[in-house]
Amino acid sequence: MKNQTQLTILFVLFVAMTLALFSVNAVAGTIRCGGSIIDDGDRRGISKQEVEQRCGPPYSKYGNSWIYSMPNGTVTRIRFKDNGEVTSITNERI
């Protein structure tokens, strides 16, 4: 009986950790600007112009990377492909 309880606890922990891992990855590639959300997985490809239209000018531009300082205390880096489409979005707490 003790082994069955331990296996159940391990299984529940495994499922919880797996779900937590996937939820972090889902959030990491997004940025909320006003009423819209920009997602680095958007299939139609979001352009630099569309990002700037939705989010305003970035705090900093360096090559194909734009930096936004968000009101919630995070710094968001948006990277673009050479054709100007969003390729990745990362959020960091400062």
PDB file of N, CA and C in Angstrom:
ATOM      1  N   MET A   1       0.828  -1.202   0.000  1.00  0.00           N
ATOM      2  CA  MET A   1       0.000   0.000   0.000  1.00  0.00           C
ATOM      3  C   MET A   1       0.867   1.260   0.000  1.00  0.00           C
ATOM      4  N   LYS A   2       1.950   1.213   0.754  1.00  0.00           N
ATOM      5  CA  LYS A   2       2.838   2.370   0.828  1.00  0.00           C
ATOM      6  C   LYS A   2       3.461   2.662  -0.539  1.00  0.00           C
ATOM      7  N   ASN A   3       3.864   1.620  -1.260  1.00  0.00           N
ATOM      8  CA  ASN A   3       4.448   1.803  -2.589  1.00  0.00           C
ATOM      9  C   ASN A   3       3.441   2.394  -3.569  1.00  0.00           C
ATOM     10  N   GLN A   4       2.190   1.973  -3.473  1.00  0.00           N
ATOM     11  CA  GLN A   4       1.141   2.498  -4.353  1.00  0.00           C
ATOM     12  C   GLN A   4       0.945   3.991  -4.104  1.00  0.00           C
ATOM     13  N   THR A   5       0.944   4.416  -2.857  1.00  0.00           N
ATOM     14  CA  THR A   5       0.792   5.830  -2.512  1.00  0.00           C
ATOM     15  C   THR A   5       1.971   6.635  -3.041  1.00  0.00           C
ATOM     16  N   GLN A   6       3.173   6.115  -2.893  1.00  0.00           N
ATOM     17  CA  GLN A   6       4.357   6.809  -3.391  1.00  0.00           C
ATOM     18  C   GLN A   6       4.317   6.945  -4.913  1.00  0.00           C
ATOM     19  N   LEU A   7       3.898   5.892  -5.599  1.00  0.00           N
ATOM     20  CA  LEU A   7       3.789   5.960  -7.053  1.00  0.00           C
ATOM     21  C   LEU A   7       2.746   6.979  -7.495  1.00  0.00           C
ATOM     22  N   THR A   8       1.648   7.033  -6.780  1.00  0.00           N
ATOM     23  CA  THR A   8       0.599   8.006  -7.099  1.00  0.00           C
ATOM     24  C   THR A   8       1.116   9.428  -6.919  1.00  0.00           C
ATOM     25  N   ILE A   9       1.813   9.675  -5.831  1.00  0.00           N
ATOM     26  CA  ILE A   9       2.371  11.009  -5.571  1.00  0.00           C
ATOM     27  C   ILE A   9       3.386  11.378  -6.648  1.00  0.00           C
ATOM     28  N   LEU A  10       4.263  10.459  -7.009  1.00  0.00           N
ATOM     29  CA  LEU A  10       5.248  10.722  -8.059  1.00  0.00           C
ATOM     30  C   LEU A  10       4.578  11.015  -9.396  1.00  0.00           C
ATOM     31  N   PHE A  11       3.519  10.272  -9.713  1.00  0.00           N
ATOM     32  CA  PHE A  11       2.805  10.499 -10.963  1.00  0.00           C
ATOM     33  C   PHE A  11       2.165  11.888 -10.983  1.00  0.00           C
ATOM     34  N   VAL A  12       1.518  12.264  -9.900  1.00  0.00           N
ATOM     35  CA  VAL A  12       0.874  13.580  -9.813  1.00  0.00           C
ATOM     36  C   VAL A  12       1.917  14.685  -9.940  1.00  0.00           C
ATOM     37  N   LEU A  13       3.054  14.542  -9.281  1.00  0.00           N
ATOM     38  CA  LEU A  13       4.126  15.537  -9.385  1.00  0.00           C
ATOM     39  C   LEU A  13       4.657  15.629 -10.814  1.00  0.00           C
ATOM     40  N   PHE A  14       4.826  14.490 -11.457  1.00  0.00           N
ATOM     41  CA  PHE A  14       5.302  14.474 -12.838  1.00  0.00           C
ATOM     42  C   PHE A  14       4.334  15.218 -13.762  1.00  0.00           C
ATOM     43  N   VAL A  15       3.058  14.947 -13.634  1.00  0.00           N
ATOM     44  CA  VAL A  15       2.053  15.616 -14.465  1.00  0.00           C
ATOM     45  C   VAL A  15       2.046  17.120 -14.190  1.00  0.00           C
ATOM     46  N   ALA A  16       2.102  17.509 -12.925  1.00  0.00           N
ATOM     47  CA  ALA A  16       2.104  18.932 -12.569  1.00  0.00           C
ATOM     48  C   ALA A  16       3.330  19.643 -13.139  1.00  0.00           C
ATOM     49  N   MET A  17       4.495  19.026 -13.040  1.00  0.00           N
ATOM     50  CA  MET A  17       5.725  19.640 -13.558  1.00  0.00           C
ATOM     51  C   MET A  17       5.669  19.754 -15.085  1.00  0.00           C
ATOM     52  N   THR A  18       5.133  18.743 -15.746  1.00  0.00           N
ATOM     53  CA  THR A  18       5.014  18.777 -17.199  1.00  0.00           C
ATOM     54  C   THR A  18       4.078  19.899 -17.632  1.00  0.00           C
ATOM     55  N   LEU A  19       2.952  20.032 -16.982  1.00  0.00           N
ATOM     56  CA  LEU A  19       2.012  21.110 -17.310  1.00  0.00           C
ATOM     57  C   LEU A  19       2.624  22.478 -17.049  1.00  0.00           C
ATOM     58  N   ALA A  20       3.348  22.621 -15.960  1.00  0.00           N
ATOM     59  CA  ALA A  20       4.002  23.891 -15.644  1.00  0.00           C
ATOM     60  C   ALA A  20       5.026  24.249 -16.717  1.00  0.00           C
ATOM     61  N   LEU A  21       5.774  23.283 -17.177  1.00  0.00           N
ATOM     62  CA  LEU A  21       6.772  23.525 -18.214  1.00  0.00           C
ATOM     63  C   LEU A  21       6.121  24.017 -19.499  1.00  0.00           C
ATOM     64  N   PHE A  22       5.037  23.382 -19.917  1.00  0.00           N
ATOM     65  CA  PHE A  22       4.368  23.803 -21.138  1.00  0.00           C
ATOM     66  C   PHE A  22       3.710  25.165 -20.987  1.00  0.00           C
ATOM     67  N   SER A  23       3.191  25.494 -19.827  1.00  0.00           N
ATOM     68  CA  SER A  23       2.551  26.796 -19.648  1.00  0.00           C
ATOM     69  C   SER A  23       3.575  27.914 -19.683  1.00  0.00           C
ATOM     70  N   VAL A  24       4.781  27.704 -19.167  1.00  0.00           N
ATOM     71  CA  VAL A  24       5.834  28.722 -19.226  1.00  0.00           C
ATOM     72  C   VAL A  24       6.224  28.974 -20.669  1.00  0.00           C
ATOM     73  N   ASN A  25       6.380  27.921 -21.456  1.00  0.00           N
ATOM     74  CA  ASN A  25       6.741  28.098 -22.857  1.00  0.00           C
ATOM     75  C   ASN A  25       5.647  28.812 -23.638  1.00  0.00           C
ATOM     76  N   ALA A  26       4.398  28.577 -23.297  1.00  0.00           N
ATOM     77  CA  ALA A  26       3.308  29.226 -24.011  1.00  0.00           C
ATOM     78  C   ALA A  26       3.288  30.719 -23.746  1.00  0.00           C
ATOM     79  N   VAL A  27       3.596  31.125 -22.542  1.00  0.00           N
ATOM     80  CA  VAL A  27       3.566  32.534 -22.178  1.00  0.00           C
ATOM     81  C   VAL A  27       4.809  33.265 -22.655  1.00  0.00           C
ATOM     82  N   ALA A  28       5.932  32.592 -22.716  1.00  0.00           N
ATOM     83  CA  ALA A  28       7.203  33.238 -23.020  1.00  0.00           C
ATOM     84  C   ALA A  28       7.220  33.891 -24.386  1.00  0.00           C
ATOM     85  N   GLY A  29       6.451  33.401 -25.351  1.00  0.00           N
ATOM     86  CA  GLY A  29       6.481  33.928 -26.701  1.00  0.00           C
ATOM     87  C   GLY A  29       5.392  34.922 -27.009  1.00  0.00           C
ATOM     88  N   THR A  30       4.900  35.647 -25.997  1.00  0.00           N
ATOM     89  CA  THR A  30       3.829  36.616 -26.231  1.00  0.00           C
ATOM     90  C   THR A  30       4.145  37.949 -25.571  1.00  0.00           C
ATOM     91  N   ILE A  31       3.510  38.978 -26.092  1.00  0.00           N
ATOM     92  CA  ILE A  31       3.567  40.303 -25.484  1.00  0.00           C
ATOM     93  C   ILE A  31       2.177  40.916 -25.625  1.00  0.00           C
ATOM     94  N   ARG A  32       1.708  41.534 -24.561  1.00  0.00           N
ATOM     95  CA  ARG A  32       0.411  42.218 -24.588  1.00  0.00           C
ATOM     96  C   ARG A  32       0.675  43.717 -24.703  1.00  0.00           C
ATOM     97  N   CYS A  33       0.097  44.303 -25.733  1.00  0.00           N
ATOM     98  CA  CYS A  33       0.219  45.744 -25.962  1.00  0.00           C
ATOM     99  C   CYS A  33      -1.186  46.316 -26.048  1.00  0.00           C
ATOM    100  N   GLY A  34      -1.567  47.060 -25.028  1.00  0.00           N
ATOM    101  CA  GLY A  34      -2.914  47.595 -25.004  1.00  0.00           C
ATOM    102  C   GLY A  34      -3.921  46.474 -25.037  1.00  0.00           C
ATOM    103  N   GLY A  35      -4.767  46.459 -26.044  1.00  0.00           N
ATOM    104  CA  GLY A  35      -5.794  45.429 -26.151  1.00  0.00           C
ATOM    105  C   GLY A  35      -5.431  44.277 -27.069  1.00  0.00           C
ATOM    106  N   SER A  36      -4.206  44.247 -27.572  1.00  0.00           N
ATOM    107  CA  SER A  36      -3.850  43.170 -28.495  1.00  0.00           C
ATOM    108  C   SER A  36      -2.688  42.339 -27.961  1.00  0.00           C
ATOM    109  N   ILE A  37      -2.591  41.125 -28.464  1.00  0.00           N
ATOM    110  CA  ILE A  37      -1.520  40.209 -28.081  1.00  0.00           C
ATOM    111  C   ILE A  37      -0.721  39.871 -29.325  1.00  0.00           C
ATOM    112  N   ILE A  38       0.597  39.947 -29.199  1.00  0.00           N
ATOM    113  CA  ILE A  38       1.485  39.540 -30.281  1.00  0.00           C
ATOM    114  C   ILE A  38       2.121  38.230 -29.858  1.00  0.00           C
ATOM    115  N   ASP A  39       2.055  37.250 -30.748  1.00  0.00           N
ATOM    116  CA  ASP A  39       2.531  35.898 -30.459  1.00  0.00           C
ATOM    117  C   ASP A  39       3.592  35.519 -31.485  1.00  0.00           C
ATOM    118  N   ASP A  40       4.749  35.037 -31.014  1.00  0.00           N
ATOM    119  CA  ASP A  40       5.803  34.675 -31.962  1.00  0.00           C
ATOM    120  C   ASP A  40       5.469  33.416 -32.761  1.00  0.00           C
ATOM    121  N   GLY A  41       4.381  32.753 -32.422  1.00  0.00           N
ATOM    122  CA  GLY A  41       3.953  31.578 -33.173  1.00  0.00           C
ATOM    123  C   GLY A  41       2.865  31.877 -34.193  1.00  0.00           C
ATOM    124  N   ASP A  42       2.538  33.154 -34.375  1.00  0.00           N
ATOM    125  CA  ASP A  42       1.497  33.538 -35.328  1.00  0.00           C
ATOM    126  C   ASP A  42       1.904  33.118 -36.740  1.00  0.00           C
ATOM    127  N   ARG A  43       1.085  32.324 -37.381  1.00  0.00           N
ATOM    128  CA  ARG A  43       1.433  31.753 -38.691  1.00  0.00           C
ATOM    129  C   ARG A  43       1.470  32.775 -39.815  1.00  0.00           C
ATOM    130  N   ARG A  44       0.756  33.856 -39.672  1.00  0.00           N
ATOM    131  CA  ARG A  44       0.726  34.816 -40.779  1.00  0.00           C
ATOM    132  C   ARG A  44       1.934  35.738 -40.769  1.00  0.00           C
ATOM    133  N   GLY A  45       2.747  35.691 -39.715  1.00  0.00           N
ATOM    134  CA  GLY A  45       3.954  36.514 -39.654  1.00  0.00           C
ATOM    135  C   GLY A  45       3.639  37.961 -39.341  1.00  0.00           C
ATOM    136  N   ILE A  46       3.985  38.396 -38.160  1.00  0.00           N
ATOM    137  CA  ILE A  46       3.730  39.776 -37.743  1.00  0.00           C
ATOM    138  C   ILE A  46       4.963  40.609 -38.079  1.00  0.00           C
ATOM    139  N   SER A  47       4.752  41.738 -38.738  1.00  0.00           N
ATOM    140  CA  SER A  47       5.850  42.576 -39.213  1.00  0.00           C
ATOM    141  C   SER A  47       6.283  43.588 -38.157  1.00  0.00           C
ATOM    142  N   LYS A  48       7.456  44.183 -38.379  1.00  0.00           N
ATOM    143  CA  LYS A  48       7.947  45.250 -37.501  1.00  0.00           C
ATOM    144  C   LYS A  48       6.942  46.398 -37.453  1.00  0.00           C
ATOM    145  N   GLN A  49       6.384  46.733 -38.612  1.00  0.00           N
ATOM    146  CA  GLN A  49       5.419  47.833 -38.671  1.00  0.00           C
ATOM    147  C   GLN A  49       4.188  47.535 -37.822  1.00  0.00           C
ATOM    148  N   GLU A  50       3.727  46.290 -37.865  1.00  0.00           N
ATOM    149  CA  GLU A  50       2.552  45.920 -37.076  1.00  0.00           C
ATOM    150  C   GLU A  50       2.860  45.954 -35.581  1.00  0.00           C
ATOM    151  N   VAL A  51       4.059  45.498 -35.205  1.00  0.00           N
ATOM    152  CA  VAL A  51       4.462  45.547 -33.795  1.00  0.00           C
ATOM    153  C   VAL A  51       4.494  46.994 -33.320  1.00  0.00           C
ATOM    154  N   GLU A  52       5.114  47.872 -34.106  1.00  0.00           N
ATOM    155  CA  GLU A  52       5.212  49.274 -33.702  1.00  0.00           C
ATOM    156  C   GLU A  52       3.845  49.948 -33.687  1.00  0.00           C
ATOM    157  N   GLN A  53       2.966  49.543 -34.587  1.00  0.00           N
ATOM    158  CA  GLN A  53       1.611  50.098 -34.605  1.00  0.00           C
ATOM    159  C   GLN A  53       0.848  49.695 -33.341  1.00  0.00           C
ATOM    160  N   ARG A  54       0.993  48.438 -32.917  1.00  0.00           N
ATOM    161  CA  ARG A  54       0.272  47.947 -31.741  1.00  0.00           C
ATOM    162  C   ARG A  54       0.914  48.379 -30.425  1.00  0.00           C
ATOM    163  N   CYS A  55       2.264  48.367 -30.372  1.00  0.00           N
ATOM    164  CA  CYS A  55       2.972  48.567 -29.100  1.00  0.00           C
ATOM    165  C   CYS A  55       3.645  49.922 -28.972  1.00  0.00           C
ATOM    166  N   GLY A  56       3.684  50.687 -30.050  1.00  0.00           N
ATOM    167  CA  GLY A  56       4.400  51.946 -30.020  1.00  0.00           C
ATOM    168  C   GLY A  56       5.884  51.717 -30.275  1.00  0.00           C
ATOM    169  N   PRO A  57       6.664  52.801 -30.269  1.00  0.00           N
ATOM    170  CA  PRO A  57       8.094  52.646 -30.529  1.00  0.00           C
ATOM    171  C   PRO A  57       8.785  51.912 -29.379  1.00  0.00           C
ATOM    172  N   PRO A  58       9.780  51.095 -29.689  1.00  0.00           N
ATOM    173  CA  PRO A  58      10.482  50.364 -28.631  1.00  0.00           C
ATOM    174  C   PRO A  58      11.386  51.287 -27.828  1.00  0.00           C
ATOM    175  N   TYR A  59      11.742  50.838 -26.645  1.00  0.00           N
ATOM    176  CA  TYR A  59      12.692  51.560 -25.799  1.00  0.00           C
ATOM    177  C   TYR A  59      14.056  51.610 -26.481  1.00  0.00           C
ATOM    178  N   SER A  60      14.413  50.513 -27.156  1.00  0.00           N
ATOM    179  CA  SER A  60      15.715  50.417 -27.805  1.00  0.00           C
ATOM    180  C   SER A  60      15.616  49.498 -29.017  1.00  0.00           C
ATOM    181  N   LYS A  61      16.398  49.827 -30.053  1.00  0.00           N
ATOM    182  CA  LYS A  61      16.506  48.976 -31.237  1.00  0.00           C
ATOM    183  C   LYS A  61      17.979  48.641 -31.428  1.00  0.00           C
ATOM    184  N   TYR A  62      18.259  47.354 -31.632  1.00  0.00           N
ATOM    185  CA  TYR A  62      19.625  46.924 -31.901  1.00  0.00           C
ATOM    186  C   TYR A  62      19.573  45.842 -32.969  1.00  0.00           C
ATOM    187  N   GLY A  63      19.910  46.209 -34.195  1.00  0.00           N
ATOM    188  CA  GLY A  63      19.831  45.254 -35.299  1.00  0.00           C
ATOM    189  C   GLY A  63      18.407  44.757 -35.470  1.00  0.00           C
ATOM    190  N   ASN A  64      18.230  43.446 -35.439  1.00  0.00           N
ATOM    191  CA  ASN A  64      16.906  42.841 -35.570  1.00  0.00           C
ATOM    192  C   ASN A  64      16.254  42.568 -34.224  1.00  0.00           C
ATOM    193  N   SER A  65      16.715  43.224 -33.168  1.00  0.00           N
ATOM    194  CA  SER A  65      16.122  43.070 -31.829  1.00  0.00           C
ATOM    195  C   SER A  65      15.566  44.403 -31.353  1.00  0.00           C
ATOM    196  N   TRP A  66      14.355  44.348 -30.848  1.00  0.00           N
ATOM    197  CA  TRP A  66      13.735  45.509 -30.228  1.00  0.00           C
ATOM    198  C   TRP A  66      13.505  45.198 -28.760  1.00  0.00           C
ATOM    199  N   ILE A  67      13.695  46.209 -27.907  1.00  0.00           N
ATOM    200  CA  ILE A  67      13.504  46.057 -26.468  1.00  0.00           C
ATOM    201  C   ILE A  67      12.351  46.960 -26.032  1.00  0.00           C
ATOM    202  N   TYR A  68      11.417  46.376 -25.290  1.00  0.00           N
ATOM    203  CA  TYR A  68      10.316  47.130 -24.692  1.00  0.00           C
ATOM    204  C   TYR A  68      10.409  47.020 -23.180  1.00  0.00           C
ATOM    205  N   SER A  69      10.287  48.149 -22.490  1.00  0.00           N
ATOM    206  CA  SER A  69      10.205  48.169 -21.031  1.00  0.00           C
ATOM    207  C   SER A  69       8.722  48.230 -20.684  1.00  0.00           C
ATOM    208  N   MET A  70       8.224  47.158 -20.082  1.00  0.00           N
ATOM    209  CA  MET A  70       6.794  47.035 -19.839  1.00  0.00           C
ATOM    210  C   MET A  70       6.411  47.600 -18.470  1.00  0.00           C
ATOM    211  N   PRO A  71       5.171  48.073 -18.314  1.00  0.00           N
ATOM    212  CA  PRO A  71       4.726  48.655 -17.044  1.00  0.00           C
ATOM    213  C   PRO A  71       4.736  47.675 -15.870  1.00  0.00           C
ATOM    214  N   ASN A  72       4.683  46.371 -16.138  1.00  0.00           N
ATOM    215  CA  ASN A  72       4.640  45.399 -15.045  1.00  0.00           C
ATOM    216  C   ASN A  72       6.030  45.033 -14.527  1.00  0.00           C
ATOM    217  N   GLY A  73       7.053  45.763 -14.967  1.00  0.00           N
ATOM    218  CA  GLY A  73       8.404  45.522 -14.471  1.00  0.00           C
ATOM    219  C   GLY A  73       9.192  44.499 -15.253  1.00  0.00           C
ATOM    220  N   THR A  74       8.736  44.151 -16.446  1.00  0.00           N
ATOM    221  CA  THR A  74       9.490  43.213 -17.273  1.00  0.00           C
ATOM    222  C   THR A  74      10.102  43.941 -18.465  1.00  0.00           C
ATOM    223  N   VAL A  75      11.133  43.334 -19.002  1.00  0.00           N
ATOM    224  CA  VAL A  75      11.735  43.798 -20.246  1.00  0.00           C
ATOM    225  C   VAL A  75      11.430  42.733 -21.289  1.00  0.00           C
ATOM    226  N   THR A  76      10.882  43.156 -22.405  1.00  0.00           N
ATOM    227  CA  THR A  76      10.529  42.229 -23.470  1.00  0.00           C
ATOM    228  C   THR A  76      11.423  42.480 -24.671  1.00  0.00           C
ATOM    229  N   ARG A  77      12.047  41.402 -25.162  1.00  0.00           N
ATOM    230  CA  ARG A  77      12.891  41.482 -26.361  1.00  0.00           C
ATOM    231  C   ARG A  77      12.158  40.774 -27.497  1.00  0.00           C
ATOM    232  N   ILE A  78      11.977  41.512 -28.587  1.00  0.00           N
ATOM    233  CA  ILE A  78      11.366  40.941 -29.783  1.00  0.00           C
ATOM    234  C   ILE A  78      12.445  40.851 -30.852  1.00  0.00           C
ATOM    235  N   ARG A  79      12.638  39.658 -31.367  1.00  0.00           N
ATOM    236  CA  ARG A  79      13.617  39.447 -32.437  1.00  0.00           C
ATOM    237  C   ARG A  79      12.870  39.237 -33.752  1.00  0.00           C
ATOM    238  N   PHE A  80      13.451  39.799 -34.806  1.00  0.00           N
ATOM    239  CA  PHE A  80      12.846  39.731 -36.130  1.00  0.00           C
ATOM    240  C   PHE A  80      13.752  38.978 -37.098  1.00  0.00           C
ATOM    241  N   LYS A  81      13.135  38.310 -38.067  1.00  0.00           N
ATOM    242  CA  LYS A  81      13.881  37.715 -39.179  1.00  0.00           C
ATOM    243  C   LYS A  81      14.360  38.850 -40.079  1.00  0.00           C
ATOM    244  N   ASP A  82      15.221  38.535 -41.025  1.00  0.00           N
ATOM    245  CA  ASP A  82      15.699  39.549 -41.964  1.00  0.00           C
ATOM    246  C   ASP A  82      14.572  40.137 -42.801  1.00  0.00           C
ATOM    247  N   ASN A  83      13.486  39.384 -42.993  1.00  0.00           N
ATOM    248  CA  ASN A  83      12.351  39.901 -43.768  1.00  0.00           C
ATOM    249  C   ASN A  83      11.406  40.755 -42.916  1.00  0.00           C
ATOM    250  N   GLY A  84      11.747  40.960 -41.633  1.00  0.00           N
ATOM    251  CA  GLY A  84      10.964  41.839 -40.772  1.00  0.00           C
ATOM    252  C   GLY A  84       9.876  41.166 -39.967  1.00  0.00           C
ATOM    253  N   GLU A  85       9.737  39.841 -40.055  1.00  0.00           N
ATOM    254  CA  GLU A  85       8.710  39.132 -39.288  1.00  0.00           C
ATOM    255  C   GLU A  85       9.237  38.738 -37.913  1.00  0.00           C
ATOM    256  N   VAL A  86       8.339  38.737 -36.931  1.00  0.00           N
ATOM    257  CA  VAL A  86       8.695  38.329 -35.570  1.00  0.00           C
ATOM    258  C   VAL A  86       9.151  36.877 -35.580  1.00  0.00           C
ATOM    259  N   THR A  87      10.298  36.625 -34.944  1.00  0.00           N
ATOM    260  CA  THR A  87      10.791  35.256 -34.838  1.00  0.00           C
ATOM    261  C   THR A  87      10.769  34.743 -33.402  1.00  0.00           C
ATOM    262  N   SER A  88      10.975  35.637 -32.417  1.00  0.00           N
ATOM    263  CA  SER A  88      10.896  35.204 -31.018  1.00  0.00           C
ATOM    264  C   SER A  88      10.597  36.390 -30.117  1.00  0.00           C
ATOM    265  N   ILE A  89       9.949  36.074 -28.999  1.00  0.00           N
ATOM    266  CA  ILE A  89       9.640  37.067 -27.969  1.00  0.00           C
ATOM    267  C   ILE A  89      10.052  36.470 -26.634  1.00  0.00           C
ATOM    268  N   THR A  90      10.888  37.197 -25.888  1.00  0.00           N
ATOM    269  CA  THR A  90      11.303  36.736 -24.561  1.00  0.00           C
ATOM    270  C   THR A  90      11.033  37.828 -23.541  1.00  0.00           C
ATOM    271  N   ASN A  91      10.618  37.413 -22.356  1.00  0.00           N
ATOM    272  CA  ASN A  91      10.308  38.332 -21.261  1.00  0.00           C
ATOM    273  C   ASN A  91      11.250  38.067 -20.101  1.00  0.00           C
ATOM    274  N   GLU A  92      11.773  39.139 -19.499  1.00  0.00           N
ATOM    275  CA  GLU A  92      12.660  39.016 -18.350  1.00  0.00           C
ATOM    276  C   GLU A  92      12.229  39.999 -17.273  1.00  0.00           C
ATOM    277  N   ARG A  93      12.269  39.551 -16.039  1.00  0.00           N
ATOM    278  CA  ARG A  93      12.005  40.438 -14.896  1.00  0.00           C
ATOM    279  C   ARG A  93      13.253  41.236 -14.576  1.00  0.00           C
ATOM    280  N   ILE A  94      13.071  42.513 -14.255  1.00  0.00           N
ATOM    281  CA  ILE A  94      14.213  43.327 -13.824  1.00  0.00           C
ATOM    282  C   ILE A  94      14.138  43.611 -12.353  1.00  0.00           C
TER     283      ILE A  94
END
